[in-house]
Amino acid sequence: MSVRELVVLGTASQVPTRHRNHNGYLLRWDGEGILFDPGEGTQRQMLRAGVAAHDINRICVTHFHGDHSLGLAGVIQRINLDQVPHPVTAHYPASGQHFFERLRYATAYREFVELTEAPVATDGVLAATDAYTLSSHRLSHPVESYGYRLVEPDGRRMLPAKLAEHGIKGPDVGRIQREGSLGGVTLDDVSERRRGQRFAFIMDTRLCDGVHVLAEGCDLLVIESTFLDEDERLATDHGHLTAGQAARVARDAGVRHLVLTHFSQRYEDPAVFEAQARAAGFEGELTVARDLGRVAVPTRHL
C-alpha cells in the first residue's frame, strides 16, 4: 500500500529549544523517502520517529545555515554504517559545495553507499522519475537558498459508466489503457484526466517570486513562518516570513493543506501562528508543525 506523508523531525529555527529540535522533515512518497534540511540532532529524531536510514533515497538542503544542515554529517555516516542498499542523491546549493564536503567528511568513517552529489545552480528540474518530477526555485535569503517542488505526473481515471456504455470490461479495460483505443473507442471516451499530487518545501526566505511559483496548486505545502505578523519588519530584514504572509501565499496559491514550521524561540504559544494564519484568510487544512508529528498528503480530488 502506498504511503504519502510528511514526518516532522524538528521545527525550531536557529537554535533548538526544550520542546523543538532543529529542522528536519522526511517526505514519504510511495516507496521513496526524501529528507529535507537535516539540522543538528536529526539522526536521533529519526530514531524517535521510527525513520530508518534505509528510508532515505534523496536529501534536499535548502541552504547552508546550521539549523538546516548540521545534521548532514550524522545522517550520511548513519547511511553508511547501516549499509543502505540503494544509492542516495543529495541536492543543495552549488555555492555551498565546500560546506557540503566538510559535513560529508567531518570525521573518519568507511563509505559503503553510493552518495551522488547533485548541486543546484539554477531553477529547474532536478530529477524525473515515474513517480514524480523534483524541481527547485531560488528564494530570497542572506545566503543562497532554494525551495523544492515535487509533482506527480497526471494520470487517468477510468469511468465505469462510460466503460459499460461501450461494452468494455475485464481484460479489455487494461488493454485500452495500454493501447489508447479499442474497437473505435478511445481512452478519452471512457476516462478523464486525474491531476497528479503536488508538494512544496519552502524554508528561509522573504516574499519573492520563487515562493509563489513553488506553492502554486500544492496539495501539501510546508513553509517557514519564523515570525508573527507584528514582527514583519524583523522578518523581512532577516529574510524570513511571518505566519500571515505564509498563509496568504497558501491562500492565493490554492493550497489544500498548509504546514507552518521553523518557529523562532521568542514565541511560546504555537496557537498564535494558527490564529494569524486564519486571520490572513487561509481556509484549507492547517497544521502548526510539532516535532515527531505526521501529516498525510491529502487524498486526491474525486
Protein backbone atom coordinates (compact mmCIF):
# COMPACT_ATOMS: atom_id res chain seq x y z
CA MET A 1 0.00 0.00 0.00
CA SER A 2 1.43 3.37 -0.99
CA VAL A 3 2.11 5.92 1.75
CA ARG A 4 2.44 9.63 1.18
CA GLU A 5 3.09 11.58 4.34
CA LEU A 6 5.37 14.13 5.95
CA VAL A 7 7.26 13.05 9.07
CA VAL A 8 8.30 16.11 11.09
CA LEU A 9 11.65 15.61 12.82
CA GLY A 10 12.23 19.17 14.04
CA THR A 11 10.63 22.61 13.84
CA ALA A 12 12.97 25.12 15.52
CA SER A 13 14.68 27.99 13.74
CA GLN A 14 18.27 28.98 14.53
CA VAL A 15 18.60 27.09 17.83
CA PRO A 16 16.86 24.05 19.34
CA THR A 17 14.67 24.52 22.40
CA ARG A 18 13.50 22.19 25.15
CA HIS A 19 10.50 21.29 23.01
CA ARG A 20 11.73 21.76 19.45
CA ASN A 21 14.67 20.17 17.65
CA HIS A 22 16.50 21.80 14.76
CA ASN A 23 14.75 21.36 11.39
CA GLY A 24 14.30 18.01 9.73
CA TYR A 25 11.50 16.59 7.56
CA LEU A 26 11.08 13.27 5.75
CA LEU A 27 8.59 13.06 2.91
CA ARG A 28 7.44 9.50 2.28
CA TRP A 29 6.28 9.22 -1.32
CA ASP A 30 5.15 5.68 -2.05
CA GLY A 31 8.31 3.59 -1.68
CA GLU A 32 10.75 6.50 -1.60
CA GLY A 33 11.88 8.91 1.11
CA ILE A 34 13.18 12.45 0.69
CA LEU A 35 14.92 14.04 3.68
CA PHE A 36 14.73 17.83 3.78
CA ASP A 37 17.04 20.14 5.74
CA PRO A 38 18.56 17.84 8.36
CA GLY A 39 19.60 20.11 11.20
CA GLU A 40 21.55 19.19 14.31
CA GLY A 41 20.12 16.15 16.08
CA THR A 42 18.28 14.77 13.06
CA GLN A 43 19.73 11.27 13.43
CA ARG A 44 18.31 10.94 16.96
CA GLN A 45 14.96 12.39 15.90
CA MET A 46 14.79 9.80 13.14
CA LEU A 47 15.18 7.09 15.76
CA ARG A 48 12.39 8.59 17.86
CA ALA A 49 10.10 8.90 14.82
CA GLY A 50 10.69 5.38 13.54
CA VAL A 51 12.57 6.57 10.45
CA ALA A 52 15.47 4.36 9.34
CA ALA A 53 18.47 5.32 7.23
CA HIS A 54 17.14 2.80 4.69
CA ASP A 55 14.11 5.08 4.22
CA ILE A 56 16.22 7.84 2.65
CA ASN A 57 16.64 7.98 -1.14
CA ARG A 58 17.27 11.70 -1.51
CA ILE A 59 18.48 14.55 0.65
CA CYS A 60 17.42 18.12 -0.21
CA VAL A 61 19.12 21.03 1.56
CA THR A 62 17.65 24.49 1.01
CA HIS A 63 20.71 26.42 2.27
CA PHE A 64 23.77 26.13 4.46
CA HIS A 65 22.75 27.71 7.73
CA GLY A 66 23.40 25.33 10.60
CA ASP A 67 19.80 24.70 11.59
CA HIS A 68 19.19 23.30 8.10
CA SER A 69 22.36 21.32 7.51
CA LEU A 70 24.41 20.44 10.61
CA GLY A 71 22.74 17.03 10.76
CA LEU A 72 24.19 16.03 7.39
CA ALA A 73 27.35 14.61 8.96
CA GLY A 74 25.50 12.22 11.24
CA VAL A 75 22.88 11.22 8.67
CA ILE A 76 25.44 10.48 5.95
CA GLN A 77 27.58 8.45 8.33
CA ARG A 78 24.49 6.53 9.51
CA ILE A 79 23.54 5.74 5.90
CA ASN A 80 26.97 4.17 5.51
CA LEU A 81 27.04 2.47 8.90
CA ASP A 82 23.73 0.76 8.09
CA GLN A 83 24.99 -0.04 4.58
CA VAL A 84 21.84 1.22 2.89
CA PRO A 85 21.42 -1.00 -0.20
CA HIS A 86 20.40 1.72 -2.66
CA PRO A 87 22.12 4.88 -3.95
CA VAL A 88 21.30 8.21 -2.29
CA THR A 89 21.30 11.56 -4.09
CA ALA A 90 21.96 14.87 -2.34
CA HIS A 91 20.72 18.22 -3.68
CA TYR A 92 21.99 21.50 -2.21
CA PRO A 93 23.01 25.00 -3.39
CA ALA A 94 26.11 24.76 -5.55
CA SER A 95 27.60 27.80 -3.83
CA GLY A 96 27.77 25.72 -0.64
CA GLN A 97 29.79 22.86 -2.14
CA HIS A 98 32.63 23.43 0.35
CA PHE A 99 30.18 23.27 3.26
CA PHE A 100 28.71 20.01 1.96
CA GLU A 101 32.16 18.46 1.61
CA ARG A 102 33.13 19.49 5.13
CA LEU A 103 29.97 17.96 6.55
CA ARG A 104 30.21 14.80 4.44
CA TYR A 105 33.76 14.22 5.60
CA ALA A 106 33.57 15.77 9.07
CA THR A 107 35.21 12.69 10.64
CA ALA A 108 36.69 9.38 9.58
CA TYR A 109 34.29 6.57 8.57
CA ARG A 110 34.02 3.82 5.98
CA GLU A 111 32.00 4.62 2.88
CA PHE A 112 29.81 1.76 1.70
CA VAL A 113 26.97 3.61 -0.03
CA GLU A 114 26.92 5.43 -3.36
CA LEU A 115 26.12 9.05 -2.49
CA THR A 116 25.67 11.20 -5.58
CA GLU A 117 26.30 14.91 -5.18
CA ALA A 118 23.83 16.89 -7.32
CA PRO A 119 24.32 20.58 -6.50
CA VAL A 120 21.66 23.10 -7.54
CA ALA A 121 22.83 26.13 -9.50
CA THR A 122 19.63 27.35 -11.17
CA ASP A 123 15.87 26.98 -11.25
CA GLY A 124 14.50 23.91 -12.97
CA VAL A 125 14.07 20.15 -12.94
CA LEU A 126 16.46 18.16 -10.74
CA ALA A 127 15.08 14.67 -11.25
CA ALA A 128 12.26 12.97 -13.13
CA THR A 129 11.03 9.50 -12.16
CA ASP A 130 7.87 7.54 -12.89
CA ALA A 131 6.52 8.71 -9.52
CA TYR A 132 7.39 12.42 -9.58
CA THR A 133 9.35 15.33 -11.01
CA LEU A 134 11.51 17.21 -8.49
CA SER A 135 12.37 20.83 -9.27
CA SER A 136 13.97 23.78 -7.50
CA HIS A 137 13.44 27.53 -7.42
CA ARG A 138 15.62 30.29 -5.98
CA LEU A 139 14.42 32.02 -2.81
CA SER A 140 15.42 35.30 -1.12
CA HIS A 141 17.66 34.89 1.93
CA PRO A 142 21.02 36.37 3.01
CA VAL A 143 22.72 33.18 1.76
CA GLU A 144 21.80 31.32 -1.44
CA SER A 145 18.64 29.33 -0.79
CA TYR A 146 16.40 27.11 -2.92
CA GLY A 147 12.94 25.70 -2.37
CA TYR A 148 11.84 22.34 -3.73
CA ARG A 149 8.68 21.22 -5.50
CA LEU A 150 7.55 17.67 -6.23
CA VAL A 151 4.86 16.98 -8.85
CA GLU A 152 3.33 13.63 -9.67
CA PRO A 153 2.60 13.03 -13.38
CA ASP A 154 -1.03 13.34 -14.35
CA GLY A 155 -2.85 10.05 -14.76
CA ARG A 156 -6.22 8.79 -15.99
CA ARG A 157 -9.31 7.88 -14.01
CA MET A 158 -11.45 5.21 -15.63
CA LEU A 159 -15.20 5.93 -15.69
CA PRO A 160 -17.24 2.76 -15.01
CA ALA A 161 -20.43 4.16 -16.58
CA LYS A 162 -18.61 5.04 -19.80
CA LEU A 163 -16.87 1.65 -19.91
CA ALA A 164 -20.24 -0.09 -19.53
CA GLU A 165 -21.79 2.15 -22.19
CA HIS A 166 -19.17 1.00 -24.69
CA GLY A 167 -19.24 -2.63 -23.53
CA ILE A 168 -15.65 -2.62 -22.32
CA LYS A 169 -14.94 -4.91 -19.37
CA GLY A 170 -12.49 -7.42 -17.95
CA PRO A 171 -9.06 -7.60 -19.67
CA ASP A 172 -10.18 -5.06 -22.27
CA VAL A 173 -10.05 -2.31 -19.63
CA GLY A 174 -6.33 -2.84 -19.23
CA ARG A 175 -5.90 -3.12 -22.97
CA ILE A 176 -7.47 0.26 -23.74
CA GLN A 177 -5.36 1.81 -21.00
CA ARG A 178 -2.19 0.43 -22.58
CA GLU A 179 -3.06 0.96 -26.24
CA GLY A 180 -5.15 4.14 -26.08
CA SER A 181 -8.04 2.82 -28.19
CA LEU A 182 -10.09 -0.33 -28.71
CA GLY A 183 -12.62 -1.06 -31.44
CA GLY A 184 -13.02 2.62 -32.32
CA VAL A 185 -13.37 3.69 -28.66
CA THR A 186 -10.60 5.97 -27.42
CA LEU A 187 -9.23 6.21 -23.91
CA ASP A 188 -10.63 9.74 -23.71
CA ASP A 189 -14.12 8.33 -24.31
CA VAL A 190 -14.03 6.19 -21.14
CA SER A 191 -11.76 8.09 -18.76
CA GLU A 192 -10.83 11.53 -17.54
CA ARG A 193 -7.60 13.24 -16.59
CA ARG A 194 -6.50 12.71 -12.98
CA ARG A 195 -4.34 15.57 -11.75
CA GLY A 196 -1.08 14.50 -10.13
CA GLN A 197 -0.47 15.42 -6.50
CA ARG A 198 1.84 18.32 -5.68
CA PHE A 199 4.11 19.09 -2.74
CA ALA A 200 6.42 22.01 -1.99
CA PHE A 201 9.03 22.73 0.67
CA ILE A 202 9.85 26.41 1.28
CA MET A 203 12.28 27.38 4.01
CA ASP A 204 14.19 30.53 4.85
CA THR A 205 13.05 33.34 2.57
CA ARG A 206 11.34 36.68 2.44
CA LEU A 207 8.48 37.11 -0.03
CA CYS A 208 9.69 36.67 -3.61
CA ASP A 209 8.57 35.20 -6.94
CA GLY A 210 10.02 31.81 -6.06
CA VAL A 211 7.72 31.42 -3.07
CA HIS A 212 4.63 31.80 -5.26
CA VAL A 213 5.94 29.57 -8.06
CA LEU A 214 6.72 26.75 -5.65
CA ALA A 215 3.41 26.99 -3.76
CA GLU A 216 1.08 27.12 -6.77
CA GLY A 217 -1.65 24.48 -6.59
CA CYS A 218 0.01 22.36 -3.93
CA ASP A 219 -1.86 19.61 -2.13
CA LEU A 220 0.63 19.92 0.74
CA LEU A 221 2.80 22.99 1.37
CA VAL A 222 5.47 23.05 4.08
CA ILE A 223 6.57 26.63 4.61
CA GLU A 224 8.53 28.60 7.16
CA SER A 225 6.72 31.06 9.42
CA THR A 226 9.58 32.14 11.64
CA PHE A 227 7.89 35.29 12.92
CA LEU A 228 4.47 36.50 13.95
CA ASP A 229 2.86 39.34 12.00
CA GLU A 230 3.75 42.04 14.49
CA ASP A 231 7.42 41.36 13.71
CA GLU A 232 7.08 41.61 9.94
CA ARG A 233 9.84 44.19 9.60
CA LEU A 234 12.22 41.96 11.52
CA ALA A 235 11.22 39.03 9.31
CA THR A 236 11.95 40.98 6.12
CA ASP A 237 15.28 42.27 7.42
CA HIS A 238 16.44 38.73 8.21
CA GLY A 239 14.99 37.06 5.11
CA HIS A 240 12.03 35.27 6.67
CA LEU A 241 8.23 35.06 6.56
CA THR A 242 5.52 35.71 9.11
CA ALA A 243 2.58 33.41 9.79
CA GLY A 244 0.23 35.78 7.98
CA GLN A 245 2.49 36.11 4.94
CA ALA A 246 2.86 32.33 4.63
CA ALA A 247 -0.91 31.87 4.93
CA ARG A 248 -1.64 34.48 2.24
CA VAL A 249 0.80 32.73 -0.10
CA ALA A 250 -1.06 29.46 0.51
CA ARG A 251 -4.46 31.12 0.11
CA ASP A 252 -3.56 32.74 -3.20
CA ALA A 253 -1.91 29.55 -4.49
CA GLY A 254 -4.93 27.36 -3.78
CA VAL A 255 -3.05 25.14 -1.32
CA ARG A 256 -5.16 22.36 0.20
CA HIS A 257 -3.11 21.64 3.35
CA LEU A 258 -0.72 24.20 4.84
CA VAL A 259 2.02 23.22 7.29
CA LEU A 260 3.65 26.09 9.20
CA THR A 261 7.05 25.47 10.77
CA HIS A 262 10.52 26.89 11.59
CA PHE A 263 9.46 28.89 14.63
CA SER A 264 11.55 31.48 16.43
CA GLN A 265 12.39 30.69 20.04
CA ARG A 266 10.91 34.06 21.04
CA TYR A 267 7.36 32.66 20.78
CA GLU A 268 5.99 30.14 23.25
CA ASP A 269 2.37 29.65 22.14
CA PRO A 270 2.01 27.85 18.78
CA ALA A 271 -1.73 28.57 18.72
CA VAL A 272 -0.97 32.19 17.80
CA PHE A 273 0.55 31.07 14.50
CA GLU A 274 -2.66 29.27 13.64
CA ALA A 275 -4.78 32.26 14.65
CA GLN A 276 -2.79 34.63 12.46
CA ALA A 277 -2.88 32.23 9.52
CA ARG A 278 -6.67 32.02 9.75
CA ALA A 279 -6.93 35.80 10.13
CA ALA A 280 -4.98 36.10 6.87
CA GLY A 281 -7.77 34.26 5.08
CA PHE A 282 -6.46 30.73 4.64
CA GLU A 283 -9.43 28.35 4.85
CA GLY A 284 -7.87 24.98 3.94
CA GLU A 285 -6.45 22.34 6.23
CA LEU A 286 -3.84 23.83 8.55
CA THR A 287 -1.17 22.25 10.72
CA VAL A 288 1.18 24.07 13.07
CA ALA A 289 4.02 21.58 12.94
CA ARG A 290 5.24 19.84 16.07
CA ASP A 291 8.26 17.60 16.48
CA LEU A 292 7.60 13.93 15.63
CA GLY A 293 4.21 14.75 14.12
CA ARG A 294 2.97 13.22 10.89
CA VAL A 295 0.94 14.92 8.17
CA ALA A 296 -0.70 12.90 5.41
CA VAL A 297 -0.70 14.21 1.86
CA PRO A 298 -4.40 14.99 1.21
CA THR A 299 -6.36 12.36 -0.67
CA ARG A 300 -6.95 13.04 -4.33
CA HIS A 301 -9.79 15.18 -5.57
CA LEU A 302 -12.62 12.93 -6.74
